[in-house]
Amino acid sequence: MIDLRKQVALVTGGSRGIGAAAAILLAKAGADVALTYQRDEHSAGNIAKAIKKLKRNCLLLQGSIERSDDCKRFAAETKRRFKRIDILVNSAGIWEYGEIGTMNVNDWLRTIDINLTGTFNMCNAVVPIMKKQQYGRIITVSSTAGQRGEAFHSQYAASKGGVIAFTKSIAVELIRSGVWVNCVAPGWVDTDMAAPVFKNVKRKKEIVATIPRGKVASPIEIAGPIVFLASELANHIVGEVINVNGGSVLCG
């Protein structure tokens, strides 16, 4: 039912985790995909190979989303290669420990720059293209932490709360231009980012116990709602946060 043929998706953080899963699922739905990565060229290449096996085109873009010039280049190279950008998925991000009172400002700014400013940079670069087309779908990735906070990760929670506020703001601003903006907010997901926590078997059991569904999400279970929001099935959803957390945090 979801048909994204003849559409072009630009996915940040596409070499691993949620970004990689979203890139592959978008390709399965028919989209050509450009994906950004920062350092892991090998993993990004593997995702590109998987996309090409699906008989879709893939463009790899190396750089840092916290740099506005890199984001402008990502948008320009994608437009040059595919002639348009229909879907933007802002999935790149970091999650680091930070105790208030001992965290330094550089630790704070690193998370804000990547998670929040990076999302702004990508939207700022892609929106003019989408406006000219009079069509676009932007999906941001927040977190349950952005809704309820997260002790010892206040910089992460603040960045993801900012993503939610930013999403709602530009969603209203852009909808009359034919650009839909929505957000997916995952809970715990089985990704490289969470792997250090899940290595502790006892801690993982404690986490699973807080999830009514009784399991940690896989990246593809987050990618599904992303692809839904990129499709025409979500035509009347504007500025919303889709919670994908197995029932652990109930909002809205």
C-alpha atoms as a PDB file:
ATOM      1  CA  MET A   1       0.000   0.000   0.000  1.00  0.00           C
ATOM      2  CA  ILE A   2       2.911   2.368   0.662  1.00  0.00           C
ATOM      3  CA  ASP A   3       4.391   3.244  -2.722  1.00  0.00           C
ATOM      4  CA  LEU A   4       7.377   5.615  -2.792  1.00  0.00           C
ATOM      5  CA  ARG A   5       8.453   4.895  -6.358  1.00  0.00           C
ATOM      6  CA  LYS A   6       9.885   7.961  -8.172  1.00  0.00           C
ATOM      7  CA  GLN A   7      10.610   9.563  -4.798  1.00  0.00           C
ATOM      8  CA  VAL A   8      14.001  10.470  -3.348  1.00  0.00           C
ATOM      9  CA  ALA A   9      14.846  10.183   0.347  1.00  0.00           C
ATOM     10  CA  LEU A  10      17.773  11.802   2.145  1.00  0.00           C
ATOM     11  CA  VAL A  11      18.575  10.017   5.429  1.00  0.00           C
ATOM     12  CA  THR A  12      21.105  11.299   7.959  1.00  0.00           C
ATOM     13  CA  GLY A  13      23.048   8.839  10.096  1.00  0.00           C
ATOM     14  CA  GLY A  14      22.337   6.182   7.503  1.00  0.00           C
ATOM     15  CA  SER A  15      25.267   3.876   8.191  1.00  0.00           C
ATOM     16  CA  ARG A  16      23.809   2.235  11.309  1.00  0.00           C
ATOM     17  CA  GLY A  17      20.866   1.862  13.648  1.00  0.00           C
ATOM     18  CA  ILE A  18      17.586   3.605  12.938  1.00  0.00           C
ATOM     19  CA  GLY A  19      18.987   5.531   9.975  1.00  0.00           C
ATOM     20  CA  ALA A  20      20.214   2.386   8.236  1.00  0.00           C
ATOM     21  CA  ALA A  21      16.917   0.578   8.853  1.00  0.00           C
ATOM     22  CA  ALA A  22      14.938   3.556   7.563  1.00  0.00           C
ATOM     23  CA  ALA A  23      17.107   3.816   4.446  1.00  0.00           C
ATOM     24  CA  ILE A  24      16.561   0.156   3.576  1.00  0.00           C
ATOM     25  CA  LEU A  25      12.810   0.247   4.291  1.00  0.00           C
ATOM     26  CA  LEU A  26      12.397   3.398   2.187  1.00  0.00           C
ATOM     27  CA  ALA A  27      14.180   1.605  -0.644  1.00  0.00           C
ATOM     28  CA  LYS A  28      11.886  -1.408  -0.224  1.00  0.00           C
ATOM     29  CA  ALA A  29       8.966   0.993  -0.637  1.00  0.00           C
ATOM     30  CA  GLY A  30      10.491   2.159  -3.934  1.00  0.00           C
ATOM     31  CA  ALA A  31      12.481   5.289  -3.077  1.00  0.00           C
ATOM     32  CA  ASP A  32      15.988   6.100  -4.230  1.00  0.00           C
ATOM     33  CA  VAL A  33      18.099   6.973  -1.204  1.00  0.00           C
ATOM     34  CA  ALA A  34      20.925   9.342  -0.326  1.00  0.00           C
ATOM     35  CA  LEU A  35      22.432   8.625   3.070  1.00  0.00           C
ATOM     36  CA  THR A  36      24.903  10.575   5.149  1.00  0.00           C
ATOM     37  CA  TYR A  37      27.576   9.158   7.412  1.00  0.00           C
ATOM     38  CA  GLN A  38      30.374  10.704   9.413  1.00  0.00           C
ATOM     39  CA  ARG A  39      33.186   8.142   9.709  1.00  0.00           C
ATOM     40  CA  ASP A  40      32.102   4.539   9.132  1.00  0.00           C
ATOM     41  CA  GLU A  41      32.516   4.233   5.365  1.00  0.00           C
ATOM     42  CA  HIS A  42      32.468   0.427   5.524  1.00  0.00           C
ATOM     43  CA  SER A  43      29.044   0.255   7.210  1.00  0.00           C
ATOM     44  CA  ALA A  44      27.650   2.959   4.947  1.00  0.00           C
ATOM     45  CA  GLY A  45      28.877   0.984   1.944  1.00  0.00           C
ATOM     46  CA  ASN A  46      27.116  -2.134   3.184  1.00  0.00           C
ATOM     47  CA  ILE A  47      23.822  -0.257   3.470  1.00  0.00           C
ATOM     48  CA  ALA A  48      24.330   1.115  -0.044  1.00  0.00           C
ATOM     49  CA  LYS A  49      24.882  -2.433  -1.346  1.00  0.00           C
ATOM     50  CA  ALA A  50      21.669  -3.585   0.354  1.00  0.00           C
ATOM     51  CA  ILE A  51      19.754  -0.727  -1.270  1.00  0.00           C
ATOM     52  CA  LYS A  52      21.189  -1.504  -4.702  1.00  0.00           C
ATOM     53  CA  LYS A  53      20.157  -5.160  -4.296  1.00  0.00           C
ATOM     54  CA  LEU A  54      16.622  -3.817  -4.013  1.00  0.00           C
ATOM     55  CA  LYS A  55      17.168  -2.247  -7.459  1.00  0.00           C
ATOM     56  CA  ARG A  56      17.153   1.269  -6.061  1.00  0.00           C
ATOM     57  CA  ASN A  57      19.827   3.930  -6.466  1.00  0.00           C
ATOM     58  CA  CYS A  58      21.932   5.031  -3.506  1.00  0.00           C
ATOM     59  CA  LEU A  59      24.204   8.045  -2.978  1.00  0.00           C
ATOM     60  CA  LEU A  60      26.697   8.103  -0.085  1.00  0.00           C
ATOM     61  CA  LEU A  61      27.491  11.470   1.497  1.00  0.00           C
ATOM     62  CA  GLN A  62      30.290  11.848   4.051  1.00  0.00           C
ATOM     63  CA  GLY A  63      30.359  14.755   6.479  1.00  0.00           C
ATOM     64  CA  SER A  64      29.028  16.178   9.744  1.00  0.00           C
ATOM     65  CA  ILE A  65      25.482  17.423  10.185  1.00  0.00           C
ATOM     66  CA  GLU A  66      26.579  19.924  12.837  1.00  0.00           C
ATOM     67  CA  ARG A  67      28.350  21.805  10.040  1.00  0.00           C
ATOM     68  CA  SER A  68      25.913  23.851   7.992  1.00  0.00           C
ATOM     69  CA  ASP A  69      28.188  23.836   4.946  1.00  0.00           C
ATOM     70  CA  ASP A  70      28.208  20.021   4.934  1.00  0.00           C
ATOM     71  CA  CYS A  71      24.409  19.958   5.107  1.00  0.00           C
ATOM     72  CA  LYS A  72      24.117  22.384   2.209  1.00  0.00           C
ATOM     73  CA  ARG A  73      26.461  20.104   0.255  1.00  0.00           C
ATOM     74  CA  PHE A  74      24.385  17.024   1.144  1.00  0.00           C
ATOM     75  CA  ALA A  75      21.253  18.725  -0.195  1.00  0.00           C
ATOM     76  CA  ALA A  76      22.960  20.073  -3.315  1.00  0.00           C
ATOM     77  CA  GLU A  77      24.600  16.749  -4.229  1.00  0.00           C
ATOM     78  CA  THR A  78      21.353  14.843  -3.696  1.00  0.00           C
ATOM     79  CA  LYS A  79      19.449  17.342  -5.858  1.00  0.00           C
ATOM     80  CA  ARG A  80      22.168  17.191  -8.525  1.00  0.00           C
ATOM     81  CA  ARG A  81      22.092  13.383  -8.625  1.00  0.00           C
ATOM     82  CA  PHE A  82      18.350  12.748  -8.375  1.00  0.00           C
ATOM     83  CA  LYS A  83      16.848  16.119  -9.469  1.00  0.00           C
ATOM     84  CA  ARG A  84      14.652  16.345  -6.358  1.00  0.00           C
ATOM     85  CA  ILE A  85      14.360  15.576  -2.635  1.00  0.00           C
ATOM     86  CA  ASP A  86      10.974  14.300  -1.480  1.00  0.00           C
ATOM     87  CA  ILE A  87      11.768  12.887   1.964  1.00  0.00           C
ATOM     88  CA  LEU A  88      14.200  13.975   4.667  1.00  0.00           C
ATOM     89  CA  VAL A  89      14.799  11.702   7.662  1.00  0.00           C
ATOM     90  CA  ASN A  90      16.792  13.327  10.458  1.00  0.00           C
ATOM     91  CA  SER A  91      18.057  10.269  12.327  1.00  0.00           C
ATOM     92  CA  ALA A  92      21.713  11.086  13.088  1.00  0.00           C
ATOM     93  CA  GLY A  93      22.396  11.619  16.778  1.00  0.00           C
ATOM     94  CA  ILE A  94      24.489  10.817  19.828  1.00  0.00           C
ATOM     95  CA  TRP A  95      23.666   9.773  23.407  1.00  0.00           C
ATOM     96  CA  GLU A  96      26.329  10.399  26.043  1.00  0.00           C
ATOM     97  CA  TYR A  97      26.525  10.344  29.831  1.00  0.00           C
ATOM     98  CA  GLY A  98      26.498  13.738  31.510  1.00  0.00           C
ATOM     99  CA  GLU A  99      26.082  14.432  35.228  1.00  0.00           C
ATOM    100  CA  ILE A 100      24.975  17.954  36.069  1.00  0.00           C
ATOM    101  CA  GLY A 101      27.565  19.708  38.187  1.00  0.00           C
ATOM    102  CA  THR A 102      30.466  17.864  36.549  1.00  0.00           C
ATOM    103  CA  MET A 103      29.523  18.012  32.847  1.00  0.00           C
ATOM    104  CA  ASN A 104      31.527  20.630  30.969  1.00  0.00           C
ATOM    105  CA  VAL A 105      30.111  22.993  28.391  1.00  0.00           C
ATOM    106  CA  ASN A 106      31.840  21.207  25.517  1.00  0.00           C
ATOM    107  CA  ASP A 107      30.037  17.968  26.422  1.00  0.00           C
ATOM    108  CA  TRP A 108      26.753  19.871  26.477  1.00  0.00           C
ATOM    109  CA  LEU A 109      27.377  21.633  23.178  1.00  0.00           C
ATOM    110  CA  ARG A 110      28.525  18.481  21.350  1.00  0.00           C
ATOM    111  CA  THR A 111      25.137  16.831  21.925  1.00  0.00           C
ATOM    112  CA  ILE A 112      23.141  19.980  21.182  1.00  0.00           C
ATOM    113  CA  ASP A 113      25.164  20.633  18.021  1.00  0.00           C
ATOM    114  CA  ILE A 114      24.647  17.157  16.576  1.00  0.00           C
ATOM    115  CA  ASN A 115      21.130  16.305  17.748  1.00  0.00           C
ATOM    116  CA  LEU A 116      19.409  19.685  17.546  1.00  0.00           C
ATOM    117  CA  THR A 117      21.504  22.041  15.419  1.00  0.00           C
ATOM    118  CA  GLY A 118      22.168  19.194  12.997  1.00  0.00           C
ATOM    119  CA  THR A 119      18.427  18.720  12.550  1.00  0.00           C
ATOM    120  CA  PHE A 120      18.028  22.453  11.952  1.00  0.00           C
ATOM    121  CA  ASN A 121      20.927  22.504   9.477  1.00  0.00           C
ATOM    122  CA  MET A 122      19.471  19.681   7.393  1.00  0.00           C
ATOM    123  CA  CYS A 123      15.970  21.162   7.355  1.00  0.00           C
ATOM    124  CA  ASN A 124      17.339  24.592   6.525  1.00  0.00           C
ATOM    125  CA  ALA A 125      19.237  23.153   3.559  1.00  0.00           C
ATOM    126  CA  VAL A 126      16.438  20.951   2.199  1.00  0.00           C
ATOM    127  CA  VAL A 127      13.321  23.081   2.761  1.00  0.00           C
ATOM    128  CA  PRO A 128      14.016  25.515  -0.142  1.00  0.00           C
ATOM    129  CA  ILE A 129      14.156  22.525  -2.518  1.00  0.00           C
ATOM    130  CA  MET A 130      10.921  21.099  -1.138  1.00  0.00           C
ATOM    131  CA  LYS A 131       9.189  24.482  -1.297  1.00  0.00           C
ATOM    132  CA  LYS A 132      10.130  24.852  -4.946  1.00  0.00           C
ATOM    133  CA  GLN A 133       8.696  21.384  -5.614  1.00  0.00           C
ATOM    134  CA  GLN A 134       5.662  22.244  -3.453  1.00  0.00           C
ATOM    135  CA  TYR A 135       6.075  18.831  -1.905  1.00  0.00           C
ATOM    136  CA  GLY A 136       8.125  17.273   0.878  1.00  0.00           C
ATOM    137  CA  ARG A 137       8.054  15.020   3.905  1.00  0.00           C
ATOM    138  CA  ILE A 138      10.361  15.713   6.831  1.00  0.00           C
ATOM    139  CA  ILE A 139      10.595  13.189   9.653  1.00  0.00           C
ATOM    140  CA  THR A 140      12.645  14.061  12.718  1.00  0.00           C
ATOM    141  CA  VAL A 141      13.734  11.533  15.334  1.00  0.00           C
ATOM    142  CA  SER A 142      13.339  12.552  18.963  1.00  0.00           C
ATOM    143  CA  SER A 143      13.127  10.278  22.022  1.00  0.00           C
ATOM    144  CA  THR A 144      11.110   9.529  25.121  1.00  0.00           C
ATOM    145  CA  ALA A 145      13.876  11.478  26.869  1.00  0.00           C
ATOM    146  CA  GLY A 146      12.696  14.582  25.050  1.00  0.00           C
ATOM    147  CA  GLN A 147       9.249  14.144  26.581  1.00  0.00           C
ATOM    148  CA  ARG A 148       9.951  13.142  30.171  1.00  0.00           C
ATOM    149  CA  GLY A 149      13.647  14.025  30.654  1.00  0.00           C
ATOM    150  CA  GLU A 150      16.427  11.610  31.482  1.00  0.00           C
ATOM    151  CA  ALA A 151      18.673  11.747  34.554  1.00  0.00           C
ATOM    152  CA  PHE A 152      22.416  11.808  33.790  1.00  0.00           C
ATOM    153  CA  HIS A 153      21.609  12.577  30.168  1.00  0.00           C
ATOM    154  CA  SER A 154      20.160  16.080  30.489  1.00  0.00           C
ATOM    155  CA  GLN A 155      21.982  17.339  27.401  1.00  0.00           C
ATOM    156  CA  TYR A 156      20.429  14.542  25.353  1.00  0.00           C
ATOM    157  CA  ALA A 157      16.945  15.146  26.787  1.00  0.00           C
ATOM    158  CA  ALA A 158      17.244  18.869  26.125  1.00  0.00           C
ATOM    159  CA  SER A 159      18.337  18.290  22.536  1.00  0.00           C
ATOM    160  CA  LYS A 160      15.475  15.877  21.869  1.00  0.00           C
ATOM    161  CA  GLY A 161      12.931  18.141  23.567  1.00  0.00           C
ATOM    162  CA  GLY A 162      14.203  20.867  21.272  1.00  0.00           C
ATOM    163  CA  VAL A 163      13.686  18.604  18.265  1.00  0.00           C
ATOM    164  CA  ILE A 164      10.029  18.173  19.252  1.00  0.00           C
ATOM    165  CA  ALA A 165       9.456  21.926  19.639  1.00  0.00           C
ATOM    166  CA  PHE A 166      11.306  22.598  16.393  1.00  0.00           C
ATOM    167  CA  THR A 167       9.231  19.977  14.572  1.00  0.00           C
ATOM    168  CA  LYS A 168       5.933  21.460  15.726  1.00  0.00           C
ATOM    169  CA  SER A 169       7.041  24.990  14.854  1.00  0.00           C
ATOM    170  CA  ILE A 170       8.143  24.354  11.287  1.00  0.00           C
ATOM    171  CA  ALA A 171       5.282  21.917  10.645  1.00  0.00           C
ATOM    172  CA  VAL A 172       2.771  24.749  10.943  1.00  0.00           C
ATOM    173  CA  GLU A 173       5.087  27.083   9.034  1.00  0.00           C
ATOM    174  CA  LEU A 174       5.530  24.748   6.061  1.00  0.00           C
ATOM    175  CA  ILE A 175       2.300  22.798   5.570  1.00  0.00           C
ATOM    176  CA  ARG A 176       0.747  25.420   3.236  1.00  0.00           C
ATOM    177  CA  SER A 177       3.891  25.074   1.088  1.00  0.00           C
ATOM    178  CA  GLY A 178       3.182  21.370   0.617  1.00  0.00           C
ATOM    179  CA  VAL A 179       5.776  20.225   3.137  1.00  0.00           C
ATOM    180  CA  TRP A 180       4.697  17.882   5.944  1.00  0.00           C
ATOM    181  CA  VAL A 181       6.813  17.712   9.110  1.00  0.00           C
ATOM    182  CA  ASN A 182       6.365  15.084  11.826  1.00  0.00           C
ATOM    183  CA  CYS A 183       8.400  13.332  14.475  1.00  0.00           C
ATOM    184  CA  VAL A 184       9.025   9.792  15.697  1.00  0.00           C
ATOM    185  CA  ALA A 185       9.988   9.399  19.368  1.00  0.00           C
ATOM    186  CA  PRO A 186      11.520   5.989  20.153  1.00  0.00           C
ATOM    187  CA  GLY A 187      12.114   4.509  23.557  1.00  0.00           C
ATOM    188  CA  TRP A 188      14.893   1.950  24.018  1.00  0.00           C
ATOM    189  CA  VAL A 189      16.135   0.550  20.694  1.00  0.00           C
ATOM    190  CA  ASP A 190      18.621  -2.248  20.098  1.00  0.00           C
ATOM    191  CA  THR A 191      21.313  -0.176  18.338  1.00  0.00           C
ATOM    192  CA  ASP A 192      25.059   0.376  18.630  1.00  0.00           C
ATOM    193  CA  MET A 193      24.310   3.480  20.688  1.00  0.00           C
ATOM    194  CA  ALA A 194      22.573   1.437  23.399  1.00  0.00           C
ATOM    195  CA  ALA A 195      24.856  -1.604  23.169  1.00  0.00           C
ATOM    196  CA  PRO A 196      27.128  -0.607  26.093  1.00  0.00           C
ATOM    197  CA  VAL A 197      24.068  -0.536  28.381  1.00  0.00           C
ATOM    198  CA  PHE A 198      22.664  -3.827  27.106  1.00  0.00           C
ATOM    199  CA  LYS A 199      25.957  -5.627  27.717  1.00  0.00           C
ATOM    200  CA  ASN A 200      24.948  -5.562  31.374  1.00  0.00           C
ATOM    201  CA  VAL A 201      22.413  -8.413  31.446  1.00  0.00           C
ATOM    202  CA  LYS A 202      20.899  -7.320  34.748  1.00  0.00           C
ATOM    203  CA  ARG A 203      20.449  -3.747  33.538  1.00  0.00           C
ATOM    204  CA  LYS A 204      18.817  -4.921  30.309  1.00  0.00           C
ATOM    205  CA  LYS A 205      16.346  -7.048  32.254  1.00  0.00           C
ATOM    206  CA  GLU A 206      15.493  -4.000  34.380  1.00  0.00           C
ATOM    207  CA  ILE A 207      14.892  -1.951  31.222  1.00  0.00           C
ATOM    208  CA  VAL A 208      12.714  -4.615  29.603  1.00  0.00           C
ATOM    209  CA  ALA A 209      10.645  -4.783  32.803  1.00  0.00           C
ATOM    210  CA  THR A 210       9.657  -1.119  32.277  1.00  0.00           C
ATOM    211  CA  ILE A 211       8.300  -1.801  28.779  1.00  0.00           C
ATOM    212  CA  PRO A 212       4.729  -3.172  28.777  1.00  0.00           C
ATOM    213  CA  ARG A 213       5.319  -4.970  25.485  1.00  0.00           C
ATOM    214  CA  GLY A 214       8.174  -6.822  27.166  1.00  0.00           C
ATOM    215  CA  LYS A 215      10.923  -6.200  24.605  1.00  0.00           C
ATOM    216  CA  VAL A 216      13.364  -3.617  23.338  1.00  0.00           C
ATOM    217  CA  ALA A 217      12.525  -2.320  19.852  1.00  0.00           C
ATOM    218  CA  SER A 218      14.568  -3.305  16.834  1.00  0.00           C
ATOM    219  CA  PRO A 219      15.653  -0.507  14.439  1.00  0.00           C
ATOM    220  CA  ILE A 220      13.193  -1.735  11.807  1.00  0.00           C
ATOM    221  CA  GLU A 221      10.335  -1.249  14.297  1.00  0.00           C
ATOM    222  CA  ILE A 222      11.244   2.448  14.405  1.00  0.00           C
ATOM    223  CA  ALA A 223      11.783   2.608  10.647  1.00  0.00           C
ATOM    224  CA  GLY A 224       8.206   1.435  10.018  1.00  0.00           C
ATOM    225  CA  PRO A 225       6.554   4.529  11.498  1.00  0.00           C
ATOM    226  CA  ILE A 226       9.119   6.713   9.704  1.00  0.00           C
ATOM    227  CA  VAL A 227       8.135   5.241   6.343  1.00  0.00           C
ATOM    228  CA  PHE A 228       4.447   5.593   7.268  1.00  0.00           C
ATOM    229  CA  LEU A 229       4.969   9.321   7.907  1.00  0.00           C
ATOM    230  CA  ALA A 230       6.755   9.596   4.555  1.00  0.00           C
ATOM    231  CA  SER A 231       3.730   8.132   2.768  1.00  0.00           C
ATOM    232  CA  GLU A 232       0.345   9.438   1.657  1.00  0.00           C
ATOM    233  CA  LEU A 233      -1.249   7.421   4.450  1.00  0.00           C
ATOM    234  CA  ALA A 234      -0.112  10.228   6.765  1.00  0.00           C
ATOM    235  CA  ASN A 235      -1.588  13.082   4.715  1.00  0.00           C
ATOM    236  CA  HIS A 236      -3.580  14.588   7.609  1.00  0.00           C
ATOM    237  CA  ILE A 237      -0.856  14.239  10.238  1.00  0.00           C
ATOM    238  CA  VAL A 238       0.946  17.533  10.787  1.00  0.00           C
ATOM    239  CA  GLY A 239       3.412  18.407  13.561  1.00  0.00           C
ATOM    240  CA  GLU A 240       2.758  15.215  15.507  1.00  0.00           C
ATOM    241  CA  VAL A 241       5.011  13.040  17.650  1.00  0.00           C
ATOM    242  CA  ILE A 242       4.494   9.324  17.047  1.00  0.00           C
ATOM    243  CA  ASN A 243       5.599   7.476  20.186  1.00  0.00           C
ATOM    244  CA  VAL A 244       7.239   4.126  19.445  1.00  0.00           C
ATOM    245  CA  ASN A 245       8.218   2.735  22.827  1.00  0.00           C
ATOM    246  CA  GLY A 246       6.224  -0.430  23.516  1.00  0.00           C
ATOM    247  CA  GLY A 247       3.988   1.422  25.972  1.00  0.00           C
ATOM    248  CA  SER A 248       6.739   2.581  28.326  1.00  0.00           C
ATOM    249  CA  VAL A 249       5.840   6.269  28.052  1.00  0.00           C
ATOM    250  CA  LEU A 250       2.264   7.219  27.192  1.00  0.00           C
ATOM    251  CA  CYS A 251       1.917  10.754  25.840  1.00  0.00           C
ATOM    252  CA  GLY A 252      -0.868  12.420  23.900  1.00  0.00           C
END
